[in-house]
Amino acid sequence: MNKTLIKTLPFAGLALGAVTDLVIPDSELQPPADHPYFLYFLGLLAVVYGILFIASFISAKLDERISYKAPLIAGTAVLITVINLITSKYALLPVLFFPCLDRVFGVFVTDYELLIQCILASGQLLLRGFLAGGILGFLTGILIGFNKKASYWISPFMKFVGPIPPTSWSPLVLSLFTTTYSASVFMVALAVWFPITLMTSSGIQNVNNSYFEVASTLGSGKLNRIFKVAVPAAMPSIFLGIFYATCSAFVTLVTAELLGADAGLGWYLNWEKSMMLYANVYAGLILIAVICTMVITLVFKIKDQVLVWQRGVIKW
């Protein structure tokens, strides 16, 4: 198939979604939305993709990327159209739990101020927990990987505590910390600590001993061997640990915010569910998925810049 024709597939998918939404009337069972937000969403996607489509004729790299992604984008547009038909047009599922897409996308417009506040609150909690767990996990991993005595005492504790889901500690954590916020930060930190500790220690222990012998022969001190030899050699494993930690942190974040937080995406989901506003719940889930994907993509971009020789070995 011609490459230009392939690149036009998303336009066909988006047009199909728009036509079906305009031609087929909404089910009477579905509460009406204030505006046709689904059409607005399709229009926004068409504009964004149109800009990329035009730019692809200028950039060869973008042309290859757009040609590769075009069928997937078109398929996604068709999938959204099918969901719109099932929920909005024919109401084949219970309307209380499966609202129309107009109402789901409308939440991003009507509730944007609260959503921004929740993103900032969750981001602050996630950053604090990730930094605390990441730094502690990195140092613990170095200690286990570089010191046999420390490994003897710490590894069993790590293997015992680490696999337990961080949220399982909530009854104990709530009694130990004075506020639910600090308890939430601790659980996120715990979720981050284990994978980074495990992958850092594993990476250091798998470094070839000849590297350390050469460094010692050249007069390198212990700290120099750690940060100039062991850590750089273990960086692929460390980044893998950061990837696992990021996924675990997001899962723990949403659950931790159910403990009594007054803001955050997890709190937003729980609050809207208790109010039976499932359009808002789905909007929150979409937002969490987008943010998590963006953060993990950023982690892999940084990895590709730091570990140039491993670019593309692990893809996201």
Protein backbone atom coordinates (compact mmCIF):
# COMPACT_ATOMS: atom_id res chain seq x y z
CA MET A 1 0.00 0.00 0.00
CA ASN A 2 1.19 3.51 -0.83
CA LYS A 3 2.81 5.25 2.13
CA THR A 4 0.73 8.42 1.66
CA LEU A 5 -2.44 6.35 1.57
CA ILE A 6 -1.42 4.60 4.80
CA LYS A 7 -0.89 7.97 6.47
CA THR A 8 -4.45 9.03 5.57
CA LEU A 9 -6.01 6.06 7.42
CA PRO A 10 -6.39 8.00 10.72
CA PHE A 11 -8.42 10.66 8.89
CA ALA A 12 -10.76 7.92 7.65
CA GLY A 13 -11.09 6.48 11.17
CA LEU A 14 -11.82 9.89 12.69
CA ALA A 15 -14.29 10.70 9.90
CA LEU A 16 -16.09 7.41 10.56
CA GLY A 17 -16.43 8.35 14.22
CA ALA A 18 -17.76 11.81 13.39
CA VAL A 19 -20.27 10.56 10.80
CA THR A 20 -21.70 7.85 13.05
CA ASP A 21 -22.01 10.33 15.91
CA LEU A 22 -23.86 12.83 13.71
CA VAL A 23 -26.09 10.39 11.83
CA ILE A 24 -27.12 7.96 14.58
CA PRO A 25 -29.18 9.60 17.37
CA ASP A 26 -28.26 9.12 21.01
CA SER A 27 -30.19 6.60 23.05
CA GLU A 28 -33.01 8.03 25.12
CA LEU A 29 -31.67 6.05 28.08
CA GLN A 30 -28.50 8.14 28.18
CA PRO A 31 -28.67 11.49 30.03
CA PRO A 32 -27.82 14.19 27.47
CA ALA A 33 -24.53 16.08 27.64
CA ASP A 34 -24.31 19.88 27.49
CA HIS A 35 -22.21 19.82 24.29
CA PRO A 36 -21.04 17.26 21.70
CA TYR A 37 -17.68 16.81 23.43
CA PHE A 38 -16.99 13.56 21.57
CA LEU A 39 -17.09 15.45 18.28
CA TYR A 40 -14.86 18.15 19.75
CA PHE A 41 -12.40 15.44 20.81
CA LEU A 42 -12.36 13.91 17.32
CA GLY A 43 -11.85 17.37 15.83
CA LEU A 44 -8.91 18.05 18.15
CA LEU A 45 -7.32 14.73 17.19
CA ALA A 46 -7.85 15.53 13.49
CA VAL A 47 -6.15 18.93 13.87
CA VAL A 48 -3.17 17.50 15.77
CA TYR A 49 -2.73 14.63 13.36
CA GLY A 50 -3.19 16.99 10.39
CA ILE A 51 -0.24 19.09 11.60
CA LEU A 52 1.90 15.97 11.98
CA PHE A 53 0.72 14.71 8.57
CA ILE A 54 1.86 17.91 6.86
CA ALA A 55 5.14 17.97 8.79
CA SER A 56 5.85 14.35 7.75
CA PHE A 57 6.43 15.53 4.16
CA ILE A 58 9.27 17.72 5.45
CA SER A 59 10.92 15.38 7.95
CA ALA A 60 11.93 11.90 6.76
CA LYS A 61 12.18 10.64 10.35
CA LEU A 62 8.66 11.86 11.16
CA ASP A 63 7.42 10.39 7.88
CA GLU A 64 8.62 6.92 8.91
CA ARG A 65 7.15 7.27 12.38
CA ILE A 66 3.76 8.50 11.12
CA SER A 67 3.61 5.74 8.49
CA TYR A 68 4.28 3.14 11.18
CA LYS A 69 1.78 4.55 13.69
CA ALA A 70 -1.02 5.47 11.24
CA PRO A 71 -2.80 2.06 11.23
CA LEU A 72 -2.68 1.96 15.04
CA ILE A 73 -4.14 5.47 15.29
CA ALA A 74 -6.87 4.56 12.79
CA GLY A 75 -7.65 1.38 14.73
CA THR A 76 -7.88 3.38 17.96
CA ALA A 77 -10.32 5.80 16.30
CA VAL A 78 -12.46 2.85 15.18
CA LEU A 79 -12.35 1.36 18.70
CA ILE A 80 -13.50 4.67 20.22
CA THR A 81 -16.29 4.79 17.63
CA VAL A 82 -17.43 1.29 18.61
CA ILE A 83 -17.42 2.30 22.29
CA ASN A 84 -19.48 5.36 21.38
CA LEU A 85 -22.00 3.19 19.56
CA ILE A 86 -22.27 0.74 22.46
CA THR A 87 -22.66 3.39 25.16
CA SER A 88 -24.10 6.55 23.60
CA LYS A 89 -26.10 5.36 20.61
CA TYR A 90 -27.58 2.01 21.65
CA ALA A 91 -27.02 1.91 25.44
CA LEU A 92 -26.20 -1.78 25.37
CA LEU A 93 -24.60 -1.53 28.82
CA PRO A 94 -26.08 -0.12 32.07
CA VAL A 95 -26.06 3.64 31.55
CA LEU A 96 -25.25 4.36 35.20
CA PHE A 97 -21.92 2.57 34.99
CA PHE A 98 -21.18 3.22 31.31
CA PRO A 99 -21.99 6.87 30.51
CA CYS A 100 -21.80 8.33 27.01
CA LEU A 101 -18.44 9.60 25.76
CA ASP A 102 -19.82 13.14 25.47
CA ARG A 103 -20.15 13.23 29.26
CA VAL A 104 -16.77 11.56 29.85
CA PHE A 105 -14.85 14.01 27.66
CA GLY A 106 -16.96 16.86 28.98
CA VAL A 107 -15.49 16.29 32.45
CA PHE A 108 -12.13 17.61 31.22
CA VAL A 109 -13.85 20.91 30.37
CA THR A 110 -16.28 21.32 33.26
CA ASP A 111 -14.02 19.92 35.99
CA TYR A 112 -10.64 21.13 34.73
CA GLU A 113 -9.84 23.31 37.77
CA LEU A 114 -10.38 20.47 40.24
CA LEU A 115 -8.48 18.05 37.99
CA ILE A 116 -5.49 20.41 37.87
CA GLN A 117 -5.53 20.70 41.67
CA CYS A 118 -5.63 16.89 41.94
CA ILE A 119 -2.76 16.49 39.47
CA LEU A 120 -0.63 18.93 41.47
CA ALA A 121 -1.50 17.23 44.78
CA SER A 122 -0.75 13.76 43.42
CA GLY A 123 2.42 15.01 41.73
CA GLN A 124 3.70 16.47 44.98
CA LEU A 125 2.97 13.27 46.91
CA LEU A 126 4.48 11.11 44.16
CA LEU A 127 7.62 13.25 43.92
CA ARG A 128 8.26 13.20 47.66
CA GLY A 129 7.68 9.47 47.94
CA PHE A 130 9.71 8.70 44.82
CA LEU A 131 12.68 10.80 45.91
CA ALA A 132 12.70 9.31 49.41
CA GLY A 133 12.30 5.72 48.20
CA GLY A 134 14.61 6.21 45.22
CA ILE A 135 17.51 7.68 47.19
CA LEU A 136 17.16 5.11 49.97
CA GLY A 137 16.82 2.28 47.44
CA PHE A 138 19.88 3.44 45.50
CA LEU A 139 22.03 3.61 48.65
CA THR A 140 20.71 0.28 49.94
CA GLY A 141 21.37 -1.33 46.57
CA ILE A 142 24.96 -0.06 46.58
CA LEU A 143 25.45 -1.34 50.12
CA ILE A 144 24.08 -4.81 49.30
CA GLY A 145 25.88 -5.05 45.98
CA PHE A 146 29.28 -3.85 47.21
CA ASN A 147 29.45 -5.21 50.76
CA LYS A 148 29.04 -8.93 51.48
CA LYS A 149 28.41 -8.41 55.20
CA ALA A 150 25.69 -5.86 54.50
CA SER A 151 24.20 -8.19 51.91
CA TYR A 152 24.17 -11.03 54.46
CA TRP A 153 22.03 -9.01 56.90
CA ILE A 154 19.96 -6.77 54.63
CA SER A 155 19.10 -9.11 51.72
CA PRO A 156 16.85 -11.44 53.77
CA PHE A 157 14.97 -8.42 55.15
CA MET A 158 14.58 -6.98 51.63
CA LYS A 159 13.35 -10.33 50.25
CA PHE A 160 10.86 -10.66 53.09
CA VAL A 161 9.46 -7.11 53.13
CA GLY A 162 9.86 -6.09 49.47
CA PRO A 163 7.36 -8.43 47.77
CA ILE A 164 4.56 -7.45 50.17
CA PRO A 165 2.28 -4.88 48.46
CA PRO A 166 2.97 -1.48 50.11
CA THR A 167 -0.74 -0.84 50.57
CA SER A 168 -0.96 -3.95 52.76
CA TRP A 169 0.92 -2.02 55.42
CA SER A 170 -1.79 0.66 55.64
CA PRO A 171 -3.24 -0.42 59.04
CA LEU A 172 0.22 -0.34 60.64
CA VAL A 173 1.35 2.78 58.79
CA LEU A 174 -1.74 4.76 59.82
CA SER A 175 -1.01 4.02 63.46
CA LEU A 176 2.67 4.98 63.16
CA PHE A 177 2.32 8.29 61.30
CA THR A 178 0.52 11.35 62.64
CA THR A 179 -1.12 12.26 59.31
CA THR A 180 -2.56 10.25 56.43
CA TYR A 181 -0.45 12.33 54.03
CA SER A 182 2.85 11.24 55.61
CA ALA A 183 1.54 7.64 55.65
CA SER A 184 0.80 7.92 51.91
CA VAL A 185 4.29 9.29 51.21
CA PHE A 186 5.78 6.38 53.15
CA MET A 187 3.82 3.79 51.16
CA VAL A 188 4.88 5.33 47.83
CA ALA A 189 8.49 5.41 49.07
CA LEU A 190 8.24 1.75 50.07
CA ALA A 191 6.86 0.86 46.63
CA VAL A 192 9.82 2.61 45.00
CA TRP A 193 12.48 1.36 47.42
CA PHE A 194 12.21 -2.36 46.69
CA PRO A 195 12.62 -2.45 42.85
CA ILE A 196 15.40 0.14 42.87
CA THR A 197 17.24 -1.68 45.68
CA LEU A 198 16.85 -5.04 43.95
CA MET A 199 17.94 -3.90 40.49
CA THR A 200 20.80 -1.69 41.77
CA SER A 201 22.28 -4.46 43.92
CA SER A 202 21.80 -6.99 41.13
CA GLY A 203 23.48 -4.74 38.60
CA ILE A 204 26.48 -4.11 40.84
CA GLN A 205 26.89 -7.78 41.73
CA ASN A 206 26.95 -8.68 38.03
CA VAL A 207 29.75 -6.24 37.19
CA ASN A 208 32.85 -8.08 35.95
CA ASN A 209 35.43 -8.35 38.76
CA SER A 210 38.20 -7.46 36.33
CA TYR A 211 36.86 -3.89 36.24
CA PHE A 212 37.44 -3.52 39.97
CA GLU A 213 40.85 -5.18 39.75
CA VAL A 214 41.99 -2.77 37.06
CA ALA A 215 40.66 0.18 39.06
CA SER A 216 42.47 -1.02 42.19
CA THR A 217 45.71 -1.50 40.22
CA LEU A 218 45.46 2.09 39.04
CA GLY A 219 45.17 3.25 42.66
CA SER A 220 41.41 3.82 42.77
CA GLY A 221 39.85 4.15 46.24
CA LYS A 222 36.71 2.37 47.41
CA LEU A 223 34.35 5.30 46.78
CA ASN A 224 35.90 5.82 43.37
CA ARG A 225 35.34 2.16 42.50
CA ILE A 226 31.72 2.46 43.59
CA PHE A 227 30.78 5.64 41.73
CA LYS A 228 33.22 5.45 38.82
CA VAL A 229 33.09 1.71 38.08
CA ALA A 230 30.21 -0.12 39.79
CA VAL A 231 27.37 2.40 39.36
CA PRO A 232 28.06 3.26 35.68
CA ALA A 233 28.33 -0.45 34.83
CA ALA A 234 25.07 -1.15 36.66
CA MET A 235 23.14 1.72 35.04
CA PRO A 236 21.07 -0.52 32.70
CA SER A 237 19.77 -2.45 35.72
CA ILE A 238 19.24 0.75 37.71
CA PHE A 239 17.08 2.26 34.95
CA LEU A 240 15.09 -0.95 34.78
CA GLY A 241 14.52 -0.62 38.53
CA ILE A 242 13.36 2.98 38.03
CA PHE A 243 10.88 1.77 35.40
CA TYR A 244 9.43 -0.87 37.74
CA ALA A 245 9.43 1.65 40.59
CA THR A 246 7.49 4.18 38.52
CA CYS A 247 4.75 1.66 37.69
CA SER A 248 4.57 0.51 41.32
CA ALA A 249 4.51 4.11 42.58
CA PHE A 250 1.46 5.01 40.46
CA VAL A 251 -0.45 1.92 41.61
CA THR A 252 0.37 2.68 45.25
CA LEU A 253 -0.35 6.40 44.84
CA VAL A 254 -3.96 5.88 43.80
CA THR A 255 -4.61 3.44 46.66
CA ALA A 256 -2.73 5.52 49.24
CA GLU A 257 -4.89 8.56 48.47
CA LEU A 258 -7.97 6.57 49.47
CA LEU A 259 -6.80 6.55 53.09
CA GLY A 260 -8.08 10.01 53.87
CA ALA A 261 -6.52 12.48 51.46
CA ASP A 262 -8.50 15.60 50.60
CA ALA A 263 -7.00 16.00 47.11
CA GLY A 264 -5.28 13.95 44.44
CA LEU A 265 -6.30 11.70 41.57
CA GLY A 266 -6.92 8.71 43.83
CA TRP A 267 -9.12 10.85 46.07
CA TYR A 268 -10.92 12.17 42.97
CA LEU A 269 -11.73 8.64 41.76
CA ASN A 270 -13.01 7.59 45.16
CA TRP A 271 -15.06 10.75 45.66
CA GLU A 272 -16.71 10.61 42.25
CA LYS A 273 -17.43 6.89 42.65
CA SER A 274 -19.13 7.56 45.98
CA MET A 275 -21.24 10.21 44.22
CA MET A 276 -22.09 7.69 41.45
CA LEU A 277 -20.59 10.02 38.83
CA TYR A 278 -18.97 7.37 36.66
CA ALA A 279 -18.26 9.78 33.79
CA ASN A 280 -15.88 11.58 36.15
CA VAL A 281 -14.38 8.25 37.26
CA TYR A 282 -13.54 7.29 33.67
CA ALA A 283 -12.12 10.75 33.03
CA GLY A 284 -9.88 10.34 36.07
CA LEU A 285 -8.72 6.91 34.89
CA ILE A 286 -7.88 8.31 31.45
CA LEU A 287 -5.93 11.13 33.07
CA ILE A 288 -3.94 8.71 35.27
CA ALA A 289 -3.14 6.51 32.26
CA VAL A 290 -1.94 9.49 30.21
CA ILE A 291 0.22 10.90 33.01
CA CYS A 292 1.73 7.50 33.86
CA THR A 293 2.54 6.90 30.17
CA MET A 294 4.16 10.33 29.87
CA VAL A 295 6.31 9.80 32.98
CA ILE A 296 7.49 6.35 31.88
CA THR A 297 8.18 7.67 28.37
CA LEU A 298 10.30 10.44 29.93
CA VAL A 299 12.23 7.84 31.96
CA PHE A 300 13.03 5.90 28.77
CA LYS A 301 14.02 9.09 26.93
CA ILE A 302 16.49 9.89 29.71
CA LYS A 303 17.74 6.29 29.62
CA ASP A 304 18.34 6.49 25.88
CA GLN A 305 20.37 9.67 26.37
CA VAL A 306 22.43 8.32 29.28
CA LEU A 307 22.89 4.78 27.92
CA VAL A 308 23.38 5.55 24.23
CA TRP A 309 24.85 2.11 23.53
CA GLN A 310 21.65 0.48 24.83
CA ARG A 311 19.20 2.65 22.92
CA GLY A 312 16.30 0.53 21.76
CA VAL A 313 17.30 -2.57 23.75
CA ILE A 314 14.28 -2.13 26.04
CA LYS A 315 11.43 -0.31 24.30
CA TRP A 316 8.35 1.41 25.65
